[in-house]
Amino acid sequence: MLQHVDPVRRPTESCSVTIPSSAVDQAVFFLRSHAVTLSATDGVNASSPVVVGRALEAQLSVPVHSLRVTTHHPEHFFVIFTQPTHQVNAVRRGSMRVDGAVFNIAS
């Protein structure tokens, strides 16, 4: 039994299988058309979700009530927009500056 607990004996790779469902398909569609991730180009993040939300409001003209910003790992922030057009505009921009740091924007 201890051989399964020993970290040296654990497999380095694993896989998972999921059964597709309409709920999962809807969630994937929603995230692809409404969400982005922001990653600091230098790998260091000293900003907060509130500051990132204000920067999105100022730089992309997105009303603050039309987005939700949360911290995220391994990226630094996860943003959900209420309107798909706001997500498209953010992705087209590609990057943004927040408190002197540059963040890459990815769908």
PDB file of N, CA and C in Angstrom:
ATOM      1  N   MET A   1       0.817  -1.200   0.000  1.00  0.00           N
ATOM      2  CA  MET A   1       0.000   0.000   0.000  1.00  0.00           C
ATOM      3  C   MET A   1       0.857   1.259   0.000  1.00  0.00           C
ATOM      4  N   LEU A   2       2.000   1.261   0.667  1.00  0.00           N
ATOM      5  CA  LEU A   2       2.844   2.440   0.719  1.00  0.00           C
ATOM      6  C   LEU A   2       3.432   2.806  -0.639  1.00  0.00           C
ATOM      7  N   GLN A   3       3.546   1.867  -1.551  1.00  0.00           N
ATOM      8  CA  GLN A   3       4.121   2.181  -2.845  1.00  0.00           C
ATOM      9  C   GLN A   3       3.280   3.206  -3.603  1.00  0.00           C
ATOM     10  N   HIS A   4       1.983   3.281  -3.338  1.00  0.00           N
ATOM     11  CA  HIS A   4       1.125   4.244  -4.011  1.00  0.00           C
ATOM     12  C   HIS A   4       1.239   5.642  -3.401  1.00  0.00           C
ATOM     13  N   VAL A   5       1.712   5.729  -2.173  1.00  0.00           N
ATOM     14  CA  VAL A   5       1.843   7.002  -1.485  1.00  0.00           C
ATOM     15  C   VAL A   5       3.208   7.634  -1.755  1.00  0.00           C
ATOM     16  N   ASP A   6       4.184   6.833  -2.039  1.00  0.00           N
ATOM     17  CA  ASP A   6       5.542   7.305  -2.275  1.00  0.00           C
ATOM     18  C   ASP A   6       5.577   8.201  -3.515  1.00  0.00           C
ATOM     19  N   PRO A   7       5.945   9.498  -3.377  1.00  0.00           N
ATOM     20  CA  PRO A   7       5.944  10.426  -4.516  1.00  0.00           C
ATOM     21  C   PRO A   7       6.827   9.969  -5.675  1.00  0.00           C
ATOM     22  N   VAL A   8       7.892   9.244  -5.391  1.00  0.00           N
ATOM     23  CA  VAL A   8       8.791   8.780  -6.448  1.00  0.00           C
ATOM     24  C   VAL A   8       8.082   7.781  -7.356  1.00  0.00           C
ATOM     25  N   ARG A   9       7.158   7.032  -6.823  1.00  0.00           N
ATOM     26  CA  ARG A   9       6.470   5.992  -7.586  1.00  0.00           C
ATOM     27  C   ARG A   9       5.206   6.485  -8.288  1.00  0.00           C
ATOM     28  N   ARG A  10       4.803   7.703  -8.032  1.00  0.00           N
ATOM     29  CA  ARG A  10       3.610   8.235  -8.693  1.00  0.00           C
ATOM     30  C   ARG A  10       3.895   8.504 -10.159  1.00  0.00           C
ATOM     31  N   PRO A  11       2.916   8.270 -11.021  1.00  0.00           N
ATOM     32  CA  PRO A  11       3.118   8.600 -12.437  1.00  0.00           C
ATOM     33  C   PRO A  11       3.241  10.118 -12.606  1.00  0.00           C
ATOM     34  N   THR A  12       4.071  10.546 -13.543  1.00  0.00           N
ATOM     35  CA  THR A  12       4.260  11.985 -13.768  1.00  0.00           C
ATOM     36  C   THR A  12       3.141  12.579 -14.599  1.00  0.00           C
ATOM     37  N   GLU A  13       2.416  11.755 -15.317  1.00  0.00           N
ATOM     38  CA  GLU A  13       1.312  12.245 -16.137  1.00  0.00           C
ATOM     39  C   GLU A  13       0.037  11.515 -15.760  1.00  0.00           C
ATOM     40  N   SER A  14      -1.067  12.189 -15.973  1.00  0.00           N
ATOM     41  CA  SER A  14      -2.359  11.561 -15.750  1.00  0.00           C
ATOM     42  C   SER A  14      -3.329  12.109 -16.785  1.00  0.00           C
ATOM     43  N   CYS A  15      -4.466  11.492 -16.899  1.00  0.00           N
ATOM     44  CA  CYS A  15      -5.478  11.990 -17.829  1.00  0.00           C
ATOM     45  C   CYS A  15      -6.848  11.805 -17.204  1.00  0.00           C
ATOM     46  N   SER A  16      -7.787  12.564 -17.716  1.00  0.00           N
ATOM     47  CA  SER A  16      -9.164  12.486 -17.254  1.00  0.00           C
ATOM     48  C   SER A  16     -10.077  12.395 -18.464  1.00  0.00           C
ATOM     49  N   VAL A  17     -11.182  11.771 -18.263  1.00  0.00           N
ATOM     50  CA  VAL A  17     -12.173  11.637 -19.329  1.00  0.00           C
ATOM     51  C   VAL A  17     -13.484  12.185 -18.805  1.00  0.00           C
ATOM     52  N   THR A  18     -14.135  13.007 -19.621  1.00  0.00           N
ATOM     53  CA  THR A  18     -15.439  13.534 -19.240  1.00  0.00           C
ATOM     54  C   THR A  18     -16.451  13.154 -20.312  1.00  0.00           C
ATOM     55  N   ILE A  19     -17.666  13.060 -19.902  1.00  0.00           N
ATOM     56  CA  ILE A  19     -18.740  12.763 -20.842  1.00  0.00           C
ATOM     57  C   ILE A  19     -19.356  14.091 -21.253  1.00  0.00           C
ATOM     58  N   PRO A  20     -19.354  14.396 -22.551  1.00  0.00           N
ATOM     59  CA  PRO A  20     -19.919  15.680 -22.994  1.00  0.00           C
ATOM     60  C   PRO A  20     -21.410  15.761 -22.676  1.00  0.00           C
ATOM     61  N   SER A  21     -21.825  16.957 -22.336  1.00  0.00           N
ATOM     62  CA  SER A  21     -23.250  17.191 -22.086  1.00  0.00           C
ATOM     63  C   SER A  21     -23.598  18.569 -22.619  1.00  0.00           C
ATOM     64  N   SER A  22     -24.858  18.826 -22.748  1.00  0.00           N
ATOM     65  CA  SER A  22     -25.280  20.131 -23.257  1.00  0.00           C
ATOM     66  C   SER A  22     -24.908  21.244 -22.274  1.00  0.00           C
ATOM     67  N   ALA A  23     -24.925  20.963 -20.978  1.00  0.00           N
ATOM     68  CA  ALA A  23     -24.552  21.976 -19.982  1.00  0.00           C
ATOM     69  C   ALA A  23     -23.079  22.346 -20.121  1.00  0.00           C
ATOM     70  N   VAL A  24     -22.217  21.359 -20.325  1.00  0.00           N
ATOM     71  CA  VAL A  24     -20.788  21.631 -20.513  1.00  0.00           C
ATOM     72  C   VAL A  24     -20.577  22.406 -21.805  1.00  0.00           C
ATOM     73  N   ASP A  25     -21.254  22.009 -22.876  1.00  0.00           N
ATOM     74  CA  ASP A  25     -21.141  22.726 -24.151  1.00  0.00           C
ATOM     75  C   ASP A  25     -21.570  24.183 -24.017  1.00  0.00           C
ATOM     76  N   GLN A  26     -22.641  24.428 -23.272  1.00  0.00           N
ATOM     77  CA  GLN A  26     -23.107  25.799 -23.062  1.00  0.00           C
ATOM     78  C   GLN A  26     -22.103  26.607 -22.247  1.00  0.00           C
ATOM     79  N   ALA A  27     -21.515  25.998 -21.236  1.00  0.00           N
ATOM     80  CA  ALA A  27     -20.518  26.688 -20.411  1.00  0.00           C
ATOM     81  C   ALA A  27     -19.287  27.032 -21.241  1.00  0.00           C
ATOM     82  N   VAL A  28     -18.826  26.102 -22.064  1.00  0.00           N
ATOM     83  CA  VAL A  28     -17.667  26.352 -22.926  1.00  0.00           C
ATOM     84  C   VAL A  28     -17.977  27.483 -23.901  1.00  0.00           C
ATOM     85  N   PHE A  29     -19.157  27.468 -24.526  1.00  0.00           N
ATOM     86  CA  PHE A  29     -19.550  28.531 -25.449  1.00  0.00           C
ATOM     87  C   PHE A  29     -19.576  29.876 -24.739  1.00  0.00           C
ATOM     88  N   PHE A  30     -20.159  29.921 -23.536  1.00  0.00           N
ATOM     89  CA  PHE A  30     -20.233  31.175 -22.794  1.00  0.00           C
ATOM     90  C   PHE A  30     -18.841  31.710 -22.485  1.00  0.00           C
ATOM     91  N   LEU A  31     -17.958  30.852 -21.984  1.00  0.00           N
ATOM     92  CA  LEU A  31     -16.613  31.310 -21.619  1.00  0.00           C
ATOM     93  C   LEU A  31     -15.821  31.769 -22.840  1.00  0.00           C
ATOM     94  N   ARG A  32     -15.944  31.072 -23.952  1.00  0.00           N
ATOM     95  CA  ARG A  32     -15.220  31.476 -25.168  1.00  0.00           C
ATOM     96  C   ARG A  32     -15.691  32.819 -25.701  1.00  0.00           C
ATOM     97  N   SER A  33     -16.922  33.173 -25.446  1.00  0.00           N
ATOM     98  CA  SER A  33     -17.436  34.427 -25.994  1.00  0.00           C
ATOM     99  C   SER A  33     -17.553  35.551 -24.968  1.00  0.00           C
ATOM    100  N   HIS A  34     -17.297  35.264 -23.690  1.00  0.00           N
ATOM    101  CA  HIS A  34     -17.453  36.291 -22.658  1.00  0.00           C
ATOM    102  C   HIS A  34     -16.248  36.461 -21.730  1.00  0.00           C
ATOM    103  N   ALA A  35     -15.260  35.581 -21.781  1.00  0.00           N
ATOM    104  CA  ALA A  35     -14.193  35.608 -20.772  1.00  0.00           C
ATOM    105  C   ALA A  35     -12.807  35.774 -21.389  1.00  0.00           C
ATOM    106  N   VAL A  36     -11.908  36.386 -20.617  1.00  0.00           N
ATOM    107  CA  VAL A  36     -10.489  36.512 -20.989  1.00  0.00           C
ATOM    108  C   VAL A  36      -9.645  36.275 -19.744  1.00  0.00           C
ATOM    109  N   THR A  37      -8.378  35.962 -19.977  1.00  0.00           N
ATOM    110  CA  THR A  37      -7.411  35.893 -18.884  1.00  0.00           C
ATOM    111  C   THR A  37      -6.364  36.972 -19.118  1.00  0.00           C
ATOM    112  N   LEU A  38      -5.820  37.502 -18.042  1.00  0.00           N
ATOM    113  CA  LEU A  38      -4.751  38.490 -18.104  1.00  0.00           C
ATOM    114  C   LEU A  38      -3.533  37.912 -17.389  1.00  0.00           C
ATOM    115  N   SER A  39      -2.386  37.928 -18.064  1.00  0.00           N
ATOM    116  CA  SER A  39      -1.138  37.436 -17.498  1.00  0.00           C
ATOM    117  C   SER A  39      -0.090  38.531 -17.572  1.00  0.00           C
ATOM    118  N   ALA A  40       0.575  38.799 -16.470  1.00  0.00           N
ATOM    119  CA  ALA A  40       1.642  39.808 -16.452  1.00  0.00           C
ATOM    120  C   ALA A  40       2.791  39.318 -17.313  1.00  0.00           C
ATOM    121  N   THR A  41       3.297  40.183 -18.204  1.00  0.00           N
ATOM    122  CA  THR A  41       4.371  39.783 -19.111  1.00  0.00           C
ATOM    123  C   THR A  41       5.663  39.492 -18.359  1.00  0.00           C
ATOM    124  N   ASP A  42       5.891  40.171 -17.247  1.00  0.00           N
ATOM    125  CA  ASP A  42       7.112  39.921 -16.479  1.00  0.00           C
ATOM    126  C   ASP A  42       6.915  38.847 -15.416  1.00  0.00           C
ATOM    127  N   GLY A  43       5.718  38.265 -15.338  1.00  0.00           N
ATOM    128  CA  GLY A  43       5.454  37.208 -14.374  1.00  0.00           C
ATOM    129  C   GLY A  43       5.174  37.682 -12.968  1.00  0.00           C
ATOM    130  N   VAL A  44       5.250  38.980 -12.740  1.00  0.00           N
ATOM    131  CA  VAL A  44       5.024  39.537 -11.404  1.00  0.00           C
ATOM    132  C   VAL A  44       3.716  40.315 -11.425  1.00  0.00           C
ATOM    133  N   ASN A  45       2.876  40.051 -10.446  1.00  0.00           N
ATOM    134  CA  ASN A  45       1.588  40.722 -10.374  1.00  0.00           C
ATOM    135  C   ASN A  45       1.440  41.416  -9.028  1.00  0.00           C
ATOM    136  N   ALA A  46       1.305  42.731  -9.056  1.00  0.00           N
ATOM    137  CA  ALA A  46       1.117  43.482  -7.821  1.00  0.00           C
ATOM    138  C   ALA A  46      -0.201  44.243  -7.840  1.00  0.00           C
ATOM    139  N   SER A  47      -1.068  43.933  -8.814  1.00  0.00           N
ATOM    140  CA  SER A  47      -2.343  44.628  -8.946  1.00  0.00           C
ATOM    141  C   SER A  47      -3.447  43.867  -8.234  1.00  0.00           C
ATOM    142  N   SER A  48      -4.599  44.520  -8.135  1.00  0.00           N
ATOM    143  CA  SER A  48      -5.775  43.898  -7.533  1.00  0.00           C
ATOM    144  C   SER A  48      -6.893  43.842  -8.573  1.00  0.00           C
ATOM    145  N   PRO A  49      -7.890  42.989  -8.369  1.00  0.00           N
ATOM    146  CA  PRO A  49      -9.006  42.940  -9.311  1.00  0.00           C
ATOM    147  C   PRO A  49      -9.709  44.288  -9.489  1.00  0.00           C
ATOM    148  N   VAL A  50      -9.810  45.075  -8.435  1.00  0.00           N
ATOM    149  CA  VAL A  50     -10.457  46.386  -8.532  1.00  0.00           C
ATOM    150  C   VAL A  50      -9.673  47.307  -9.469  1.00  0.00           C
ATOM    151  N   VAL A  51      -8.364  47.318  -9.328  1.00  0.00           N
ATOM    152  CA  VAL A  51      -7.515  48.164 -10.172  1.00  0.00           C
ATOM    153  C   VAL A  51      -7.597  47.706 -11.627  1.00  0.00           C
ATOM    154  N   VAL A  52      -7.597  46.396 -11.855  1.00  0.00           N
ATOM    155  CA  VAL A  52      -7.709  45.870 -13.222  1.00  0.00           C
ATOM    156  C   VAL A  52      -9.061  46.244 -13.819  1.00  0.00           C
ATOM    157  N   GLY A  53     -10.124  46.152 -13.035  1.00  0.00           N
ATOM    158  CA  GLY A  53     -11.455  46.548 -13.512  1.00  0.00           C
ATOM    159  C   GLY A  53     -11.504  48.012 -13.904  1.00  0.00           C
ATOM    160  N   ARG A  54     -10.893  48.861 -13.108  1.00  0.00           N
ATOM    161  CA  ARG A  54     -10.857  50.295 -13.442  1.00  0.00           C
ATOM    162  C   ARG A  54     -10.040  50.552 -14.706  1.00  0.00           C
ATOM    163  N   ALA A  55      -8.951  49.801 -14.872  1.00  0.00           N
ATOM    164  CA  ALA A  55      -8.129  49.950 -16.087  1.00  0.00           C
ATOM    165  C   ALA A  55      -8.900  49.506 -17.317  1.00  0.00           C
ATOM    166  N   LEU A  56      -9.642  48.410 -17.213  1.00  0.00           N
ATOM    167  CA  LEU A  56     -10.471  47.967 -18.340  1.00  0.00           C
ATOM    168  C   LEU A  56     -11.539  49.002 -18.662  1.00  0.00           C
ATOM    169  N   GLU A  57     -12.113  49.582 -17.628  1.00  0.00           N
ATOM    170  CA  GLU A  57     -13.120  50.631 -17.826  1.00  0.00           C
ATOM    171  C   GLU A  57     -12.519  51.828 -18.554  1.00  0.00           C
ATOM    172  N   ALA A  58     -11.338  52.242 -18.150  1.00  0.00           N
ATOM    173  CA  ALA A  58     -10.706  53.421 -18.742  1.00  0.00           C
ATOM    174  C   ALA A  58     -10.143  53.155 -20.129  1.00  0.00           C
ATOM    175  N   GLN A  59      -9.472  52.026 -20.310  1.00  0.00           N
ATOM    176  CA  GLN A  59      -8.770  51.778 -21.566  1.00  0.00           C
ATOM    177  C   GLN A  59      -9.649  51.168 -22.656  1.00  0.00           C
ATOM    178  N   LEU A  60     -10.691  50.444 -22.274  1.00  0.00           N
ATOM    179  CA  LEU A  60     -11.554  49.803 -23.271  1.00  0.00           C
ATOM    180  C   LEU A  60     -12.970  50.368 -23.283  1.00  0.00           C
ATOM    181  N   SER A  61     -13.222  51.360 -22.452  1.00  0.00           N
ATOM    182  CA  SER A  61     -14.553  51.972 -22.350  1.00  0.00           C
ATOM    183  C   SER A  61     -15.629  50.938 -22.016  1.00  0.00           C
ATOM    184  N   VAL A  62     -15.293  50.033 -21.119  1.00  0.00           N
ATOM    185  CA  VAL A  62     -16.247  49.026 -20.661  1.00  0.00           C
ATOM    186  C   VAL A  62     -16.813  49.500 -19.332  1.00  0.00           C
ATOM    187  N   PRO A  63     -18.123  49.652 -19.228  1.00  0.00           N
ATOM    188  CA  PRO A  63     -18.695  50.059 -17.941  1.00  0.00           C
ATOM    189  C   PRO A  63     -18.342  49.049 -16.856  1.00  0.00           C
ATOM    190  N   VAL A  64     -17.989  49.548 -15.695  1.00  0.00           N
ATOM    191  CA  VAL A  64     -17.519  48.682 -14.612  1.00  0.00           C
ATOM    192  C   VAL A  64     -18.585  47.658 -14.202  1.00  0.00           C
ATOM    193  N   HIS A  65     -19.856  47.999 -14.389  1.00  0.00           N
ATOM    194  CA  HIS A  65     -20.914  47.044 -14.040  1.00  0.00           C
ATOM    195  C   HIS A  65     -21.077  45.949 -15.102  1.00  0.00           C
ATOM    196  N   SER A  66     -20.331  46.038 -16.201  1.00  0.00           N
ATOM    197  CA  SER A  66     -20.425  45.060 -17.285  1.00  0.00           C
ATOM    198  C   SER A  66     -19.290  44.045 -17.275  1.00  0.00           C
ATOM    199  N   LEU A  67     -18.512  44.012 -16.204  1.00  0.00           N
ATOM    200  CA  LEU A  67     -17.428  43.041 -16.126  1.00  0.00           C
ATOM    201  C   LEU A  67     -17.226  42.589 -14.690  1.00  0.00           C
ATOM    202  N   ARG A  68     -16.607  41.430 -14.559  1.00  0.00           N
ATOM    203  CA  ARG A  68     -16.270  40.877 -13.242  1.00  0.00           C
ATOM    204  C   ARG A  68     -14.831  40.384 -13.315  1.00  0.00           C
ATOM    205  N   VAL A  69     -13.986  40.870 -12.432  1.00  0.00           N
ATOM    206  CA  VAL A  69     -12.573  40.519 -12.419  1.00  0.00           C
ATOM    207  C   VAL A  69     -12.262  39.743 -11.140  1.00  0.00           C
ATOM    208  N   THR A  70     -11.598  38.594 -11.294  1.00  0.00           N
ATOM    209  CA  THR A  70     -11.161  37.811 -10.149  1.00  0.00           C
ATOM    210  C   THR A  70      -9.711  37.388 -10.360  1.00  0.00           C
ATOM    211  N   THR A  71      -9.030  37.087  -9.271  1.00  0.00           N
ATOM    212  CA  THR A  71      -7.673  36.545  -9.406  1.00  0.00           C
ATOM    213  C   THR A  71      -7.786  35.122  -9.920  1.00  0.00           C
ATOM    214  N   HIS A  72      -6.743  34.660 -10.590  1.00  0.00           N
ATOM    215  CA  HIS A  72      -6.790  33.354 -11.249  1.00  0.00           C
ATOM    216  C   HIS A  72      -5.398  32.767 -11.295  1.00  0.00           C
ATOM    217  N   HIS A  73      -5.314  31.450 -11.249  1.00  0.00           N
ATOM    218  CA  HIS A  73      -4.018  30.779 -11.330  1.00  0.00           C
ATOM    219  C   HIS A  73      -4.076  29.753 -12.450  1.00  0.00           C
ATOM    220  N   PRO A  74      -3.130  29.646 -13.334  1.00  0.00           N
ATOM    221  CA  PRO A  74      -1.791  30.219 -13.312  1.00  0.00           C
ATOM    222  C   PRO A  74      -1.738  31.622 -13.907  1.00  0.00           C
ATOM    223  N   GLU A  75      -2.803  32.044 -14.615  1.00  0.00           N
ATOM    224  CA  GLU A  75      -2.814  33.426 -15.074  1.00  0.00           C
ATOM    225  C   GLU A  75      -3.027  34.315 -13.854  1.00  0.00           C
ATOM    226  N   HIS A  76      -2.963  35.600 -14.040  1.00  0.00           N
ATOM    227  CA  HIS A  76      -3.106  36.489 -12.889  1.00  0.00           C
ATOM    228  C   HIS A  76      -4.543  36.936 -12.644  1.00  0.00           C
ATOM    229  N   PHE A  77      -5.309  37.151 -13.733  1.00  0.00           N
ATOM    230  CA  PHE A  77      -6.697  37.588 -13.576  1.00  0.00           C
ATOM    231  C   PHE A  77      -7.594  36.888 -14.583  1.00  0.00           C
ATOM    232  N   PHE A  78      -8.850  36.711 -14.205  1.00  0.00           N
ATOM    233  CA  PHE A  78      -9.884  36.133 -15.048  1.00  0.00           C
ATOM    234  C   PHE A  78     -10.998  37.166 -15.118  1.00  0.00           C
ATOM    235  N   VAL A  79     -11.403  37.536 -16.326  1.00  0.00           N
ATOM    236  CA  VAL A  79     -12.409  38.580 -16.509  1.00  0.00           C
ATOM    237  C   VAL A  79     -13.584  38.009 -17.289  1.00  0.00           C
ATOM    238  N   ILE A  80     -14.786  38.229 -16.776  1.00  0.00           N
ATOM    239  CA  ILE A  80     -16.002  37.858 -17.496  1.00  0.00           C
ATOM    240  C   ILE A  80     -16.742  39.135 -17.836  1.00  0.00           C
ATOM    241  N   PHE A  81     -17.042  39.295 -19.128  1.00  0.00           N
ATOM    242  CA  PHE A  81     -17.795  40.440 -19.621  1.00  0.00           C
ATOM    243  C   PHE A  81     -19.257  40.038 -19.816  1.00  0.00           C
ATOM    244  N   THR A  82     -20.167  40.975 -19.610  1.00  0.00           N
ATOM    245  CA  THR A  82     -21.582  40.670 -19.857  1.00  0.00           C
ATOM    246  C   THR A  82     -21.890  40.689 -21.354  1.00  0.00           C
ATOM    247  N   GLN A  83     -21.128  41.446 -22.120  1.00  0.00           N
ATOM    248  CA  GLN A  83     -21.354  41.554 -23.559  1.00  0.00           C
ATOM    249  C   GLN A  83     -20.205  40.921 -24.338  1.00  0.00           C
ATOM    250  N   PRO A  84     -20.513  40.048 -25.317  1.00  0.00           N
ATOM    251  CA  PRO A  84     -19.451  39.444 -26.124  1.00  0.00           C
ATOM    252  C   PRO A  84     -18.597  40.474 -26.860  1.00  0.00           C
ATOM    253  N   THR A  85     -19.161  41.604 -27.243  1.00  0.00           N
ATOM    254  CA  THR A  85     -18.381  42.618 -27.964  1.00  0.00           C
ATOM    255  C   THR A  85     -17.252  43.171 -27.101  1.00  0.00           C
ATOM    256  N   HIS A  86     -17.483  43.280 -25.799  1.00  0.00           N
ATOM    257  CA  HIS A  86     -16.427  43.751 -24.909  1.00  0.00           C
ATOM    258  C   HIS A  86     -15.284  42.740 -24.865  1.00  0.00           C
ATOM    259  N   GLN A  87     -15.610  41.462 -24.868  1.00  0.00           N
ATOM    260  CA  GLN A  87     -14.582  40.416 -24.870  1.00  0.00           C
ATOM    261  C   GLN A  87     -13.791  40.462 -26.170  1.00  0.00           C
ATOM    262  N   VAL A  88     -14.480  40.625 -27.282  1.00  0.00           N
ATOM    263  CA  VAL A  88     -13.810  40.704 -28.587  1.00  0.00           C
ATOM    264  C   VAL A  88     -12.859  41.898 -28.631  1.00  0.00           C
ATOM    265  N   ASN A  89     -13.301  43.047 -28.139  1.00  0.00           N
ATOM    266  CA  ASN A  89     -12.443  44.236 -28.119  1.00  0.00           C
ATOM    267  C   ASN A  89     -11.207  44.029 -27.238  1.00  0.00           C
ATOM    268  N   ALA A  90     -11.385  43.376 -26.110  1.00  0.00           N
ATOM    269  CA  ALA A  90     -10.245  43.113 -25.221  1.00  0.00           C
ATOM    270  C   ALA A  90      -9.235  42.175 -25.883  1.00  0.00           C
ATOM    271  N   VAL A  91      -9.724  41.116 -26.525  1.00  0.00           N
ATOM    272  CA  VAL A  91      -8.827  40.166 -27.188  1.00  0.00           C
ATOM    273  C   VAL A  91      -8.096  40.842 -28.340  1.00  0.00           C
ATOM    274  N   ARG A  92      -8.791  41.669 -29.102  1.00  0.00           N
ATOM    275  CA  ARG A  92      -8.154  42.400 -30.217  1.00  0.00           C
ATOM    276  C   ARG A  92      -7.057  43.333 -29.721  1.00  0.00           C
ATOM    277  N   ARG A  93      -7.264  43.913 -28.565  1.00  0.00           N
ATOM    278  CA  ARG A  93      -6.247  44.809 -28.012  1.00  0.00           C
ATOM    279  C   ARG A  93      -4.962  44.049 -27.721  1.00  0.00           C
ATOM    280  N   GLY A  94      -5.068  42.839 -27.210  1.00  0.00           N
ATOM    281  CA  GLY A  94      -3.896  41.990 -27.014  1.00  0.00           C
ATOM    282  C   GLY A  94      -3.152  42.179 -25.713  1.00  0.00           C
ATOM    283  N   SER A  95      -3.049  43.415 -25.237  1.00  0.00           N
ATOM    284  CA  SER A  95      -2.371  43.676 -23.966  1.00  0.00           C
ATOM    285  C   SER A  95      -2.859  45.006 -23.407  1.00  0.00           C
ATOM    286  N   MET A  96      -2.577  45.218 -22.140  1.00  0.00           N
ATOM    287  CA  MET A  96      -2.937  46.482 -21.503  1.00  0.00           C
ATOM    288  C   MET A  96      -1.982  46.754 -20.354  1.00  0.00           C
ATOM    289  N   ARG A  97      -1.873  48.015 -20.002  1.00  0.00           N
ATOM    290  CA  ARG A  97      -0.983  48.427 -18.918  1.00  0.00           C
ATOM    291  C   ARG A  97      -1.839  48.737 -17.677  1.00  0.00           C
ATOM    292  N   VAL A  98      -1.414  48.147 -16.554  1.00  0.00           N
ATOM    293  CA  VAL A  98      -2.102  48.372 -15.270  1.00  0.00           C
ATOM    294  C   VAL A  98      -1.019  48.648 -14.237  1.00  0.00           C
ATOM    295  N   ASP A  99      -1.051  49.812 -13.628  1.00  0.00           N
ATOM    296  CA  ASP A  99      -0.081  50.200 -12.595  1.00  0.00           C
ATOM    297  C   ASP A  99       1.362  50.001 -13.072  1.00  0.00           C
ATOM    298  N   GLY A 100       1.637  50.330 -14.309  1.00  0.00           N
ATOM    299  CA  GLY A 100       2.986  50.223 -14.851  1.00  0.00           C
ATOM    300  C   GLY A 100       3.374  48.845 -15.352  1.00  0.00           C
ATOM    301  N   ALA A 101       2.539  47.837 -15.107  1.00  0.00           N
ATOM    302  CA  ALA A 101       2.827  46.476 -15.579  1.00  0.00           C
ATOM    303  C   ALA A 101       1.997  46.200 -16.829  1.00  0.00           C
ATOM    304  N   VAL A 102       2.568  45.427 -17.745  1.00  0.00           N
ATOM    305  CA  VAL A 102       1.870  45.057 -18.967  1.00  0.00           C
ATOM    306  C   VAL A 102       1.280  43.665 -18.793  1.00  0.00           C
ATOM    307  N   PHE A 103      -0.002  43.528 -19.131  1.00  0.00           N
ATOM    308  CA  PHE A 103      -0.702  42.257 -19.055  1.00  0.00           C
ATOM    309  C   PHE A 103      -1.134  41.827 -20.445  1.00  0.00           C
ATOM    310  N   ASN A 104      -0.844  40.578 -20.801  1.00  0.00           N
ATOM    311  CA  ASN A 104      -1.326  40.008 -22.049  1.00  0.00           C
ATOM    312  C   ASN A 104      -2.755  39.551 -21.858  1.00  0.00           C
ATOM    313  N   ILE A 105      -3.601  39.803 -22.857  1.00  0.00           N
ATOM    314  CA  ILE A 105      -5.006  39.423 -22.809  1.00  0.00           C
ATOM    315  C   ILE A 105      -5.208  38.239 -23.745  1.00  0.00           C
ATOM    316  N   ALA A 106      -5.799  37.169 -23.237  1.00  0.00           N
ATOM    317  CA  ALA A 106      -6.038  35.972 -24.045  1.00  0.00           C
ATOM    318  C   ALA A 106      -7.477  35.492 -23.837  1.00  0.00           C
ATOM    319  N   SER A 107      -8.053  34.982 -24.897  1.00  0.00           N
ATOM    320  CA  SER A 107      -9.412  34.438 -24.836  1.00  0.00           C
ATOM    321  C   SER A 107      -9.407  33.137 -24.053  1.00  0.00           C
TER     322      SER A 107
END
